[in-house]
Amino acid sequence: MGARGAALVGLAATGAAPSIAAAATGQVRLRPAVEPDPARHERYAELYADFLELRRAHAVSWPLLAEMRGRS
């Protein structure tokens, strides 16, 4: 949960909002959906493939990073 989610839980827990859903209604602003540009599909696919390769290559670092976070 991020800071905004924690704040919503806090509002509900302290009675400042009757529920988490009610707290969210007052804090969340919906905007129109953004549609992807079909002309950029090929480039997005290339970038996503690069992301997946980097993610796979660096996955061995994740347990160490999690351990390091626990030390701070």
Protein backbone atom coordinates (compact mmCIF):
# COMPACT_ATOMS: atom_id res chain seq x y z
CA MET A 1 0.00 0.00 0.00
CA GLY A 2 1.30 3.44 -0.84
CA ALA A 3 1.05 6.68 1.12
CA ARG A 4 -2.31 7.58 -0.39
CA GLY A 5 -3.76 4.19 0.52
CA ALA A 6 -2.42 4.51 4.06
CA ALA A 7 -4.01 7.93 4.33
CA LEU A 8 -7.37 6.54 3.20
CA VAL A 9 -7.16 3.73 5.76
CA GLY A 10 -6.25 6.32 8.40
CA LEU A 11 -9.27 8.45 7.54
CA ALA A 12 -11.54 5.45 7.95
CA ALA A 13 -9.80 4.18 11.10
CA THR A 14 -10.07 7.53 12.88
CA GLY A 15 -13.69 8.06 11.88
CA ALA A 16 -12.88 11.03 9.66
CA ALA A 17 -14.55 9.01 6.88
CA PRO A 18 -17.21 6.34 7.37
CA SER A 19 -15.31 3.82 5.22
CA ILE A 20 -12.24 3.45 3.02
CA ALA A 21 -14.52 3.63 -0.03
CA ALA A 22 -16.01 6.90 1.20
CA ALA A 23 -12.54 8.30 1.90
CA ALA A 24 -11.43 7.32 -1.60
CA THR A 25 -14.46 8.98 -3.17
CA GLY A 26 -13.35 12.29 -1.70
CA GLN A 27 -9.70 11.89 -2.68
CA VAL A 28 -9.63 10.15 -6.05
CA ARG A 29 -10.21 12.10 -9.24
CA LEU A 30 -11.09 10.13 -12.34
CA ARG A 31 -9.97 11.44 -15.71
CA PRO A 32 -10.87 10.34 -19.21
CA ALA A 33 -8.99 7.27 -20.39
CA VAL A 34 -5.99 7.82 -22.62
CA GLU A 35 -6.06 5.62 -25.70
CA PRO A 36 -2.76 4.26 -27.03
CA ASP A 37 -1.47 5.55 -30.35
CA PRO A 38 -1.62 2.61 -32.80
CA ALA A 39 1.16 4.18 -34.87
CA ARG A 40 3.53 3.72 -31.93
CA HIS A 41 2.64 0.08 -31.26
CA GLU A 42 5.83 -1.34 -32.80
CA ARG A 43 8.06 0.98 -30.75
CA TYR A 44 6.15 0.21 -27.54
CA ALA A 45 6.53 -3.51 -28.23
CA GLU A 46 10.31 -3.07 -28.65
CA LEU A 47 10.59 -1.07 -25.43
CA TYR A 48 8.52 -3.64 -23.53
CA ALA A 49 10.73 -6.45 -24.81
CA ASP A 50 13.78 -4.50 -23.59
CA PHE A 51 12.11 -4.00 -20.20
CA LEU A 52 11.38 -7.71 -19.87
CA GLU A 53 14.99 -8.60 -20.73
CA LEU A 54 16.37 -6.13 -18.18
CA ARG A 55 13.92 -7.41 -15.57
CA ARG A 56 14.99 -11.00 -16.20
CA ALA A 57 18.68 -10.13 -16.17
CA HIS A 58 18.47 -8.24 -12.88
CA ALA A 59 16.08 -10.55 -11.05
CA VAL A 60 19.00 -12.14 -9.21
CA SER A 61 19.55 -8.79 -7.46
CA TRP A 62 16.05 -8.54 -6.01
CA PRO A 63 16.59 -10.71 -2.90
CA LEU A 64 19.71 -8.73 -2.02
CA LEU A 65 17.89 -5.43 -2.52
CA ALA A 66 15.05 -6.63 -0.29
CA GLU A 67 17.55 -7.65 2.39
CA MET A 68 19.30 -4.29 2.15
CA ARG A 69 15.96 -2.46 2.59
CA GLY A 70 15.39 -4.44 5.77
CA ARG A 71 18.67 -3.23 7.22
CA SER A 72 17.87 0.47 7.03
